Amino acid sequence: MQMTEQPAALSEGVDIASIEVAINRCNEVLGRVAVSVASDVGAAASTSSKVALSVDASEMATVYALMIHTKRHLWEFSELTKQQQEAFVRWRVRSVPVVAEE
């Protein structure tokens, strides 16, 4: 299995704020996908519509959930799967502007 080459800026790892920004950016650009879900629970079968994340947002959301669950605010880039690495590199914001408080 060949891993994505780690960008130099990620040598310190992926922090929870950066992954959240990447997920939000991905959702803004790609949106969310409406999917139909069939259910045969209960007396009558039914179909309902649900909203799903894009594949990239889903990959990053898995990392985000693990970070929250394990209370880790930093995840080593090498700990991500190839798909998670590629999604994060695709959607990350390379620099976040700092807003001075007045």
PDB file of N, CA and C in Angstrom:
ATOM      1  N   MET A   1       0.841  -1.177   0.000  1.00  0.00           N
ATOM      2  CA  MET A   1       0.000   0.000   0.000  1.00  0.00           C
ATOM      3  C   MET A   1       0.888   1.241   0.000  1.00  0.00           C
ATOM      4  N   GLN A   2       0.701   2.102  -0.982  1.00  0.00           N
ATOM      5  CA  GLN A   2       1.490   3.313  -1.091  1.00  0.00           C
ATOM      6  C   GLN A   2       0.752   4.457  -0.409  1.00  0.00           C
ATOM      7  N   MET A   3       1.436   5.142   0.491  1.00  0.00           N
ATOM      8  CA  MET A   3       0.825   6.250   1.216  1.00  0.00           C
ATOM      9  C   MET A   3       1.066   7.543   0.467  1.00  0.00           C
ATOM     10  N   THR A   4       0.162   8.489   0.661  1.00  0.00           N
ATOM     11  CA  THR A   4       0.316   9.814   0.088  1.00  0.00           C
ATOM     12  C   THR A   4       1.518  10.479   0.740  1.00  0.00           C
ATOM     13  N   GLU A   5       2.322  11.153  -0.060  1.00  0.00           N
ATOM     14  CA  GLU A   5       3.476  11.853   0.505  1.00  0.00           C
ATOM     15  C   GLU A   5       2.980  12.963   1.420  1.00  0.00           C
ATOM     16  N   GLN A   6       3.561  13.036   2.593  1.00  0.00           N
ATOM     17  CA  GLN A   6       3.129  14.000   3.581  1.00  0.00           C
ATOM     18  C   GLN A   6       3.619  15.398   3.213  1.00  0.00           C
ATOM     19  N   PRO A   7       2.689  16.362   3.047  1.00  0.00           N
ATOM     20  CA  PRO A   7       3.110  17.732   2.789  1.00  0.00           C
ATOM     21  C   PRO A   7       3.917  18.254   3.974  1.00  0.00           C
ATOM     22  N   ALA A   8       4.937  19.056   3.686  1.00  0.00           N
ATOM     23  CA  ALA A   8       5.822  19.566   4.730  1.00  0.00           C
ATOM     24  C   ALA A   8       5.049  20.287   5.830  1.00  0.00           C
ATOM     25  N   ALA A   9       3.988  20.995   5.472  1.00  0.00           N
ATOM     26  CA  ALA A   9       3.214  21.760   6.457  1.00  0.00           C
ATOM     27  C   ALA A   9       2.497  20.859   7.450  1.00  0.00           C
ATOM     28  N   LEU A  10       2.382  19.551   7.152  1.00  0.00           N
ATOM     29  CA  LEU A  10       1.658  18.642   8.032  1.00  0.00           C
ATOM     30  C   LEU A  10       2.597  17.826   8.912  1.00  0.00           C
ATOM     31  N   SER A  11       3.860  18.184   8.956  1.00  0.00           N
ATOM     32  CA  SER A  11       4.831  17.419   9.739  1.00  0.00           C
ATOM     33  C   SER A  11       4.500  17.404  11.224  1.00  0.00           C
ATOM     34  N   GLU A  12       3.775  18.411  11.702  1.00  0.00           N
ATOM     35  CA  GLU A  12       3.390  18.448  13.114  1.00  0.00           C
ATOM     36  C   GLU A  12       2.062  17.737  13.370  1.00  0.00           C
ATOM     37  N   GLY A  13       1.408  17.275  12.320  1.00  0.00           N
ATOM     38  CA  GLY A  13       0.155  16.556  12.473  1.00  0.00           C
ATOM     39  C   GLY A  13      -1.050  17.366  12.025  1.00  0.00           C
ATOM     40  N   VAL A  14      -2.216  16.746  12.163  1.00  0.00           N
ATOM     41  CA  VAL A  14      -3.479  17.358  11.778  1.00  0.00           C
ATOM     42  C   VAL A  14      -4.222  17.707  13.059  1.00  0.00           C
ATOM     43  N   ASP A  15      -4.527  18.985  13.241  1.00  0.00           N
ATOM     44  CA  ASP A  15      -5.236  19.367  14.463  1.00  0.00           C
ATOM     45  C   ASP A  15      -6.736  19.386  14.211  1.00  0.00           C
ATOM     46  N   ILE A  16      -7.497  19.302  15.280  1.00  0.00           N
ATOM     47  CA  ILE A  16      -8.953  19.166  15.194  1.00  0.00           C
ATOM     48  C   ILE A  16      -9.615  20.371  14.526  1.00  0.00           C
ATOM     49  N   ALA A  17      -9.078  21.564  14.765  1.00  0.00           N
ATOM     50  CA  ALA A  17      -9.658  22.754  14.140  1.00  0.00           C
ATOM     51  C   ALA A  17      -9.468  22.728  12.627  1.00  0.00           C
ATOM     52  N   SER A  18      -8.298  22.272  12.171  1.00  0.00           N
ATOM     53  CA  SER A  18      -8.024  22.210  10.733  1.00  0.00           C
ATOM     54  C   SER A  18      -8.899  21.185  10.036  1.00  0.00           C
ATOM     55  N   ILE A  19      -9.137  20.057  10.686  1.00  0.00           N
ATOM     56  CA  ILE A  19      -9.983  19.030  10.063  1.00  0.00           C
ATOM     57  C   ILE A  19     -11.434  19.519   9.990  1.00  0.00           C
ATOM     58  N   GLU A  20     -11.863  20.257  11.013  1.00  0.00           N
ATOM     59  CA  GLU A  20     -13.225  20.811  10.997  1.00  0.00           C
ATOM     60  C   GLU A  20     -13.384  21.832   9.872  1.00  0.00           C
ATOM     61  N   VAL A  21     -12.397  22.691   9.696  1.00  0.00           N
ATOM     62  CA  VAL A  21     -12.436  23.675   8.611  1.00  0.00           C
ATOM     63  C   VAL A  21     -12.455  22.980   7.254  1.00  0.00           C
ATOM     64  N   ALA A  22     -11.661  21.924   7.100  1.00  0.00           N
ATOM     65  CA  ALA A  22     -11.616  21.178   5.836  1.00  0.00           C
ATOM     66  C   ALA A  22     -12.967  20.517   5.537  1.00  0.00           C
ATOM     67  N   ILE A  23     -13.605  19.953   6.559  1.00  0.00           N
ATOM     68  CA  ILE A  23     -14.925  19.337   6.378  1.00  0.00           C
ATOM     69  C   ILE A  23     -15.938  20.393   5.940  1.00  0.00           C
ATOM     70  N   ASN A  24     -15.942  21.524   6.618  1.00  0.00           N
ATOM     71  CA  ASN A  24     -16.885  22.602   6.283  1.00  0.00           C
ATOM     72  C   ASN A  24     -16.648  23.124   4.871  1.00  0.00           C
ATOM     73  N   ARG A  25     -15.384  23.271   4.488  1.00  0.00           N
ATOM     74  CA  ARG A  25     -15.056  23.751   3.146  1.00  0.00           C
ATOM     75  C   ARG A  25     -15.538  22.750   2.088  1.00  0.00           C
ATOM     76  N   CYS A  26     -15.308  21.478   2.344  1.00  0.00           N
ATOM     77  CA  CYS A  26     -15.760  20.425   1.440  1.00  0.00           C
ATOM     78  C   CYS A  26     -17.282  20.456   1.286  1.00  0.00           C
ATOM     79  N   ASN A  27     -17.982  20.584   2.411  1.00  0.00           N
ATOM     80  CA  ASN A  27     -19.449  20.633   2.376  1.00  0.00           C
ATOM     81  C   ASN A  27     -19.960  21.861   1.643  1.00  0.00           C
ATOM     82  N   GLU A  28     -19.271  22.996   1.781  1.00  0.00           N
ATOM     83  CA  GLU A  28     -19.683  24.216   1.081  1.00  0.00           C
ATOM     84  C   GLU A  28     -19.557  24.052  -0.427  1.00  0.00           C
ATOM     85  N   VAL A  29     -18.490  23.412  -0.857  1.00  0.00           N
ATOM     86  CA  VAL A  29     -18.243  23.254  -2.287  1.00  0.00           C
ATOM     87  C   VAL A  29     -19.067  22.116  -2.881  1.00  0.00           C
ATOM     88  N   LEU A  30     -19.036  20.955  -2.250  1.00  0.00           N
ATOM     89  CA  LEU A  30     -19.711  19.778  -2.801  1.00  0.00           C
ATOM     90  C   LEU A  30     -21.152  19.636  -2.345  1.00  0.00           C
ATOM     91  N   GLY A  31     -21.481  20.268  -1.228  1.00  0.00           N
ATOM     92  CA  GLY A  31     -22.812  20.107  -0.671  1.00  0.00           C
ATOM     93  C   GLY A  31     -22.964  18.726  -0.049  1.00  0.00           C
ATOM     94  N   ARG A  32     -24.161  18.442   0.315  1.00  0.00           N
ATOM     95  CA  ARG A  32     -24.468  17.125   0.876  1.00  0.00           C
ATOM     96  C   ARG A  32     -25.394  16.414  -0.092  1.00  0.00           C
ATOM     97  N   VAL A  33     -25.356  15.120  -0.059  1.00  0.00           N
ATOM     98  CA  VAL A  33     -26.093  14.316  -1.023  1.00  0.00           C
ATOM     99  C   VAL A  33     -27.365  13.759  -0.391  1.00  0.00           C
ATOM    100  N   ALA A  34     -28.499  13.938  -1.068  1.00  0.00           N
ATOM    101  CA  ALA A  34     -29.751  13.351  -0.597  1.00  0.00           C
ATOM    102  C   ALA A  34     -29.797  11.899  -1.065  1.00  0.00           C
ATOM    103  N   VAL A  35     -30.090  10.995  -0.156  1.00  0.00           N
ATOM    104  CA  VAL A  35     -30.185   9.575  -0.497  1.00  0.00           C
ATOM    105  C   VAL A  35     -31.518   9.028  -0.005  1.00  0.00           C
ATOM    106  N   SER A  36     -32.032   8.066  -0.717  1.00  0.00           N
ATOM    107  CA  SER A  36     -33.260   7.403  -0.299  1.00  0.00           C
ATOM    108  C   SER A  36     -32.898   6.178   0.525  1.00  0.00           C
ATOM    109  N   VAL A  37     -33.594   6.003   1.621  1.00  0.00           N
ATOM    110  CA  VAL A  37     -33.341   4.876   2.506  1.00  0.00           C
ATOM    111  C   VAL A  37     -34.622   4.067   2.643  1.00  0.00           C
ATOM    112  N   ALA A  38     -34.537   2.807   2.272  1.00  0.00           N
ATOM    113  CA  ALA A  38     -35.693   1.923   2.389  1.00  0.00           C
ATOM    114  C   ALA A  38     -35.719   1.302   3.781  1.00  0.00           C
ATOM    115  N   SER A  39     -36.895   1.220   4.346  1.00  0.00           N
ATOM    116  CA  SER A  39     -37.042   0.622   5.676  1.00  0.00           C
ATOM    117  C   SER A  39     -38.203  -0.356   5.654  1.00  0.00           C
ATOM    118  N   ASP A  40     -37.967  -1.547   6.189  1.00  0.00           N
ATOM    119  CA  ASP A  40     -39.058  -2.514   6.283  1.00  0.00           C
ATOM    120  C   ASP A  40     -39.379  -2.803   7.745  1.00  0.00           C
ATOM    121  N   VAL A  41     -39.033  -1.852   8.620  1.00  0.00           N
ATOM    122  CA  VAL A  41     -39.318  -1.985  10.040  1.00  0.00           C
ATOM    123  C   VAL A  41     -40.769  -1.568  10.285  1.00  0.00           C
ATOM    124  N   GLY A  42     -41.467  -2.323  11.046  1.00  0.00           N
ATOM    125  CA  GLY A  42     -42.858  -1.995  11.349  1.00  0.00           C
ATOM    126  C   GLY A  42     -43.809  -2.688  10.399  1.00  0.00           C
ATOM    127  N   ALA A  43     -45.047  -2.250  10.418  1.00  0.00           N
ATOM    128  CA  ALA A  43     -46.102  -2.898   9.651  1.00  0.00           C
ATOM    129  C   ALA A  43     -45.977  -2.667   8.150  1.00  0.00           C
ATOM    130  N   ALA A  44     -45.514  -1.478   7.745  1.00  0.00           N
ATOM    131  CA  ALA A  44     -45.450  -1.175   6.319  1.00  0.00           C
ATOM    132  C   ALA A  44     -44.032  -0.745   5.934  1.00  0.00           C
ATOM    133  N   ALA A  45     -43.641  -1.173   4.753  1.00  0.00           N
ATOM    134  CA  ALA A  45     -42.341  -0.740   4.240  1.00  0.00           C
ATOM    135  C   ALA A  45     -42.446   0.721   3.822  1.00  0.00           C
ATOM    136  N   SER A  46     -41.370   1.466   3.998  1.00  0.00           N
ATOM    137  CA  SER A  46     -41.397   2.870   3.609  1.00  0.00           C
ATOM    138  C   SER A  46     -40.035   3.282   3.074  1.00  0.00           C
ATOM    139  N   THR A  47     -40.037   4.394   2.398  1.00  0.00           N
ATOM    140  CA  THR A  47     -38.802   4.971   1.893  1.00  0.00           C
ATOM    141  C   THR A  47     -38.727   6.401   2.398  1.00  0.00           C
ATOM    142  N   SER A  48     -37.578   6.762   2.939  1.00  0.00           N
ATOM    143  CA  SER A  48     -37.411   8.135   3.411  1.00  0.00           C
ATOM    144  C   SER A  48     -36.158   8.721   2.782  1.00  0.00           C
ATOM    145  N   SER A  49     -36.076  10.025   2.811  1.00  0.00           N
ATOM    146  CA  SER A  49     -34.928  10.712   2.254  1.00  0.00           C
ATOM    147  C   SER A  49     -34.043  11.192   3.391  1.00  0.00           C
ATOM    148  N   LYS A  50     -32.763  10.957   3.270  1.00  0.00           N
ATOM    149  CA  LYS A  50     -31.800  11.398   4.272  1.00  0.00           C
ATOM    150  C   LYS A  50     -30.687  12.151   3.563  1.00  0.00           C
ATOM    151  N   VAL A  51     -29.913  12.860   4.354  1.00  0.00           N
ATOM    152  CA  VAL A  51     -28.792  13.608   3.798  1.00  0.00           C
ATOM    153  C   VAL A  51     -27.504  12.906   4.187  1.00  0.00           C
ATOM    154  N   ALA A  52     -26.604  12.745   3.222  1.00  0.00           N
ATOM    155  CA  ALA A  52     -25.324  12.083   3.471  1.00  0.00           C
ATOM    156  C   ALA A  52     -24.179  13.013   3.089  1.00  0.00           C
ATOM    157  N   LEU A  53     -23.049  12.827   3.723  1.00  0.00           N
ATOM    158  CA  LEU A  53     -21.853  13.587   3.396  1.00  0.00           C
ATOM    159  C   LEU A  53     -21.228  13.042   2.121  1.00  0.00           C
ATOM    160  N   SER A  54     -20.441  13.865   1.455  1.00  0.00           N
ATOM    161  CA  SER A  54     -19.660  13.383   0.314  1.00  0.00           C
ATOM    162  C   SER A  54     -18.618  12.392   0.839  1.00  0.00           C
ATOM    163  N   VAL A  55     -18.002  11.657  -0.050  1.00  0.00           N
ATOM    164  CA  VAL A  55     -16.990  10.675   0.353  1.00  0.00           C
ATOM    165  C   VAL A  55     -15.841  11.368   1.094  1.00  0.00           C
ATOM    166  N   ASP A  56     -15.351  12.492   0.559  1.00  0.00           N
ATOM    167  CA  ASP A  56     -14.253  13.203   1.213  1.00  0.00           C
ATOM    168  C   ASP A  56     -14.644  13.694   2.601  1.00  0.00           C
ATOM    169  N   ALA A  57     -15.815  14.313   2.716  1.00  0.00           N
ATOM    170  CA  ALA A  57     -16.261  14.816   4.015  1.00  0.00           C
ATOM    171  C   ALA A  57     -16.440  13.668   4.999  1.00  0.00           C
ATOM    172  N   SER A  58     -16.928  12.545   4.521  1.00  0.00           N
ATOM    173  CA  SER A  58     -17.114  11.380   5.378  1.00  0.00           C
ATOM    174  C   SER A  58     -15.784  10.839   5.899  1.00  0.00           C
ATOM    175  N   GLU A  59     -14.780  10.793   5.024  1.00  0.00           N
ATOM    176  CA  GLU A  59     -13.447  10.336   5.440  1.00  0.00           C
ATOM    177  C   GLU A  59     -12.902  11.232   6.545  1.00  0.00           C
ATOM    178  N   MET A  60     -13.023  12.542   6.356  1.00  0.00           N
ATOM    179  CA  MET A  60     -12.507  13.486   7.351  1.00  0.00           C
ATOM    180  C   MET A  60     -13.348  13.482   8.620  1.00  0.00           C
ATOM    181  N   ALA A  61     -14.653  13.275   8.480  1.00  0.00           N
ATOM    182  CA  ALA A  61     -15.540  13.237   9.651  1.00  0.00           C
ATOM    183  C   ALA A  61     -15.209  12.049  10.553  1.00  0.00           C
ATOM    184  N   THR A  62     -14.756  10.960   9.961  1.00  0.00           N
ATOM    185  CA  THR A  62     -14.344   9.802  10.751  1.00  0.00           C
ATOM    186  C   THR A  62     -13.159  10.172  11.650  1.00  0.00           C
ATOM    187  N   VAL A  63     -12.182  10.873  11.085  1.00  0.00           N
ATOM    188  CA  VAL A  63     -11.023  11.318  11.862  1.00  0.00           C
ATOM    189  C   VAL A  63     -11.476  12.287  12.957  1.00  0.00           C
ATOM    190  N   TYR A  64     -12.341  13.227  12.601  1.00  0.00           N
ATOM    191  CA  TYR A  64     -12.856  14.214  13.548  1.00  0.00           C
ATOM    192  C   TYR A  64     -13.557  13.519  14.722  1.00  0.00           C
ATOM    193  N   ALA A  65     -14.385  12.542  14.418  1.00  0.00           N
ATOM    194  CA  ALA A  65     -15.103  11.805  15.471  1.00  0.00           C
ATOM    195  C   ALA A  65     -14.129  11.049  16.374  1.00  0.00           C
ATOM    196  N   LEU A  66     -13.116  10.431  15.786  1.00  0.00           N
ATOM    197  CA  LEU A  66     -12.114   9.720  16.585  1.00  0.00           C
ATOM    198  C   LEU A  66     -11.341  10.682  17.488  1.00  0.00           C
ATOM    199  N   MET A  67     -11.059  11.869  16.975  1.00  0.00           N
ATOM    200  CA  MET A  67     -10.342  12.866  17.776  1.00  0.00           C
ATOM    201  C   MET A  67     -11.185  13.283  18.985  1.00  0.00           C
ATOM    202  N   ILE A  68     -12.458  13.474  18.760  1.00  0.00           N
ATOM    203  CA  ILE A  68     -13.344  13.848  19.869  1.00  0.00           C
ATOM    204  C   ILE A  68     -13.467  12.694  20.852  1.00  0.00           C
ATOM    205  N   HIS A  69     -13.704  11.491  20.329  1.00  0.00           N
ATOM    206  CA  HIS A  69     -13.891  10.320  21.185  1.00  0.00           C
ATOM    207  C   HIS A  69     -12.661  10.024  22.045  1.00  0.00           C
ATOM    208  N   THR A  70     -11.484  10.157  21.458  1.00  0.00           N
ATOM    209  CA  THR A  70     -10.248   9.853  22.180  1.00  0.00           C
ATOM    210  C   THR A  70      -9.661  11.079  22.887  1.00  0.00           C
ATOM    211  N   LYS A  71     -10.315  12.220  22.716  1.00  0.00           N
ATOM    212  CA  LYS A  71      -9.878  13.489  23.332  1.00  0.00           C
ATOM    213  C   LYS A  71      -8.476  13.890  22.887  1.00  0.00           C
ATOM    214  N   ARG A  72      -8.172  13.566  21.624  1.00  0.00           N
ATOM    215  CA  ARG A  72      -6.891  13.973  21.037  1.00  0.00           C
ATOM    216  C   ARG A  72      -7.145  15.169  20.139  1.00  0.00           C
ATOM    217  N   HIS A  73      -6.360  16.203  20.300  1.00  0.00           N
ATOM    218  CA  HIS A  73      -6.528  17.397  19.482  1.00  0.00           C
ATOM    219  C   HIS A  73      -5.558  17.444  18.314  1.00  0.00           C
ATOM    220  N   LEU A  74      -4.653  16.469  18.271  1.00  0.00           N
ATOM    221  CA  LEU A  74      -3.675  16.388  17.197  1.00  0.00           C
ATOM    222  C   LEU A  74      -3.537  14.928  16.782  1.00  0.00           C
ATOM    223  N   TRP A  75      -3.571  14.694  15.478  1.00  0.00           N
ATOM    224  CA  TRP A  75      -3.472  13.339  14.926  1.00  0.00           C
ATOM    225  C   TRP A  75      -2.305  13.340  13.955  1.00  0.00           C
ATOM    226  N   GLU A  76      -1.419  12.383  14.072  1.00  0.00           N
ATOM    227  CA  GLU A  76      -0.293  12.292  13.149  1.00  0.00           C
ATOM    228  C   GLU A  76      -0.806  12.018  11.739  1.00  0.00           C
ATOM    229  N   PHE A  77      -0.262  12.710  10.756  1.00  0.00           N
ATOM    230  CA  PHE A  77      -0.683  12.527   9.374  1.00  0.00           C
ATOM    231  C   PHE A  77      -0.521  11.072   8.947  1.00  0.00           C
ATOM    232  N   SER A  78       0.537  10.442   9.408  1.00  0.00           N
ATOM    233  CA  SER A  78       0.814   9.051   9.034  1.00  0.00           C
ATOM    234  C   SER A  78      -0.202   8.069   9.616  1.00  0.00           C
ATOM    235  N   GLU A  79      -0.964   8.490  10.619  1.00  0.00           N
ATOM    236  CA  GLU A  79      -1.989   7.626  11.214  1.00  0.00           C
ATOM    237  C   GLU A  79      -3.273   7.590  10.390  1.00  0.00           C
ATOM    238  N   LEU A  80      -3.414   8.518   9.459  1.00  0.00           N
ATOM    239  CA  LEU A  80      -4.604   8.562   8.616  1.00  0.00           C
ATOM    240  C   LEU A  80      -4.495   7.518   7.504  1.00  0.00           C
ATOM    241  N   THR A  81      -5.638   7.019   7.059  1.00  0.00           N
ATOM    242  CA  THR A  81      -5.629   6.122   5.896  1.00  0.00           C
ATOM    243  C   THR A  81      -5.269   6.934   4.655  1.00  0.00           C
ATOM    244  N   LYS A  82      -4.942   6.257   3.581  1.00  0.00           N
ATOM    245  CA  LYS A  82      -4.612   6.945   2.330  1.00  0.00           C
ATOM    246  C   LYS A  82      -5.777   7.832   1.891  1.00  0.00           C
ATOM    247  N   GLN A  83      -7.009   7.325   2.001  1.00  0.00           N
ATOM    248  CA  GLN A  83      -8.182   8.091   1.587  1.00  0.00           C
ATOM    249  C   GLN A  83      -8.371   9.331   2.475  1.00  0.00           C
ATOM    250  N   GLN A  84      -8.136   9.187   3.770  1.00  0.00           N
ATOM    251  CA  GLN A  84      -8.259  10.313   4.692  1.00  0.00           C
ATOM    252  C   GLN A  84      -7.184  11.360   4.407  1.00  0.00           C
ATOM    253  N   GLN A  85      -5.954  10.908   4.147  1.00  0.00           N
ATOM    254  CA  GLN A  85      -4.868  11.825   3.811  1.00  0.00           C
ATOM    255  C   GLN A  85      -5.200  12.628   2.559  1.00  0.00           C
ATOM    256  N   GLU A  86      -5.634  11.919   1.519  1.00  0.00           N
ATOM    257  CA  GLU A  86      -5.942  12.582   0.254  1.00  0.00           C
ATOM    258  C   GLU A  86      -7.089  13.575   0.398  1.00  0.00           C
ATOM    259  N   ALA A  87      -8.113  13.206   1.137  1.00  0.00           N
ATOM    260  CA  ALA A  87      -9.249  14.113   1.347  1.00  0.00           C
ATOM    261  C   ALA A  87      -8.812  15.359   2.113  1.00  0.00           C
ATOM    262  N   PHE A  88      -8.029  15.168   3.162  1.00  0.00           N
ATOM    263  CA  PHE A  88      -7.595  16.314   3.963  1.00  0.00           C
ATOM    264  C   PHE A  88      -6.705  17.248   3.144  1.00  0.00           C
ATOM    265  N   VAL A  89      -5.761  16.684   2.408  1.00  0.00           N
ATOM    266  CA  VAL A  89      -4.866  17.509   1.588  1.00  0.00           C
ATOM    267  C   VAL A  89      -5.673  18.277   0.541  1.00  0.00           C
ATOM    268  N   ARG A  90      -6.699  17.645  -0.016  1.00  0.00           N
ATOM    269  CA  ARG A  90      -7.531  18.284  -1.032  1.00  0.00           C
ATOM    270  C   ARG A  90      -8.322  19.471  -0.470  1.00  0.00           C
ATOM    271  N   TRP A  91      -8.804  19.366   0.766  1.00  0.00           N
ATOM    272  CA  TRP A  91      -9.744  20.362   1.298  1.00  0.00           C
ATOM    273  C   TRP A  91      -9.189  21.266   2.394  1.00  0.00           C
ATOM    274  N   ARG A  92      -7.980  21.006   2.847  1.00  0.00           N
ATOM    275  CA  ARG A  92      -7.454  21.833   3.937  1.00  0.00           C
ATOM    276  C   ARG A  92      -7.246  23.266   3.481  1.00  0.00           C
ATOM    277  N   VAL A  93      -7.291  24.162   4.433  1.00  0.00           N
ATOM    278  CA  VAL A  93      -6.992  25.562   4.181  1.00  0.00           C
ATOM    279  C   VAL A  93      -5.534  25.731   4.571  1.00  0.00           C
ATOM    280  N   ARG A  94      -4.732  26.168   3.640  1.00  0.00           N
ATOM    281  CA  ARG A  94      -3.296  26.221   3.885  1.00  0.00           C
ATOM    282  C   ARG A  94      -2.876  27.266   4.905  1.00  0.00           C
ATOM    283  N   SER A  95      -3.600  28.322   5.010  1.00  0.00           N
ATOM    284  CA  SER A  95      -3.316  29.291   6.072  1.00  0.00           C
ATOM    285  C   SER A  95      -4.630  29.913   6.512  1.00  0.00           C
ATOM    286  N   VAL A  96      -4.783  30.002   7.791  1.00  0.00           N
ATOM    287  CA  VAL A  96      -5.997  30.572   8.353  1.00  0.00           C
ATOM    288  C   VAL A  96      -5.664  31.991   8.799  1.00  0.00           C
ATOM    289  N   PRO A  97      -6.394  32.988   8.260  1.00  0.00           N
ATOM    290  CA  PRO A  97      -6.081  34.361   8.636  1.00  0.00           C
ATOM    291  C   PRO A  97      -6.372  34.599  10.111  1.00  0.00           C
ATOM    292  N   VAL A  98      -5.499  35.347  10.747  1.00  0.00           N
ATOM    293  CA  VAL A  98      -5.669  35.678  12.157  1.00  0.00           C
ATOM    294  C   VAL A  98      -6.361  37.027  12.238  1.00  0.00           C
ATOM    295  N   VAL A  99      -7.454  37.075  12.982  1.00  0.00           N
ATOM    296  CA  VAL A  99      -8.210  38.310  13.133  1.00  0.00           C
ATOM    297  C   VAL A  99      -7.838  38.926  14.475  1.00  0.00           C
ATOM    298  N   ALA A 100      -7.345  40.139  14.419  1.00  0.00           N
ATOM    299  CA  ALA A 100      -6.964  40.831  15.659  1.00  0.00           C
ATOM    300  C   ALA A 100      -8.212  41.312  16.380  1.00  0.00           C
ATOM    301  N   GLU A 101      -8.223  41.094  17.679  1.00  0.00           N
ATOM    302  CA  GLU A 101      -9.345  41.568  18.487  1.00  0.00           C
ATOM    303  C   GLU A 101      -9.141  43.041  18.784  1.00  0.00           C
ATOM    304  N   GLU A 102     -10.235  43.769  18.797  1.00  0.00           N
ATOM    305  CA  GLU A 102     -10.149  45.204  19.091  1.00  0.00           C
ATOM    306  C   GLU A 102     -10.273  45.469  20.557  1.00  0.00           C
TER     307      GLU A 102
END
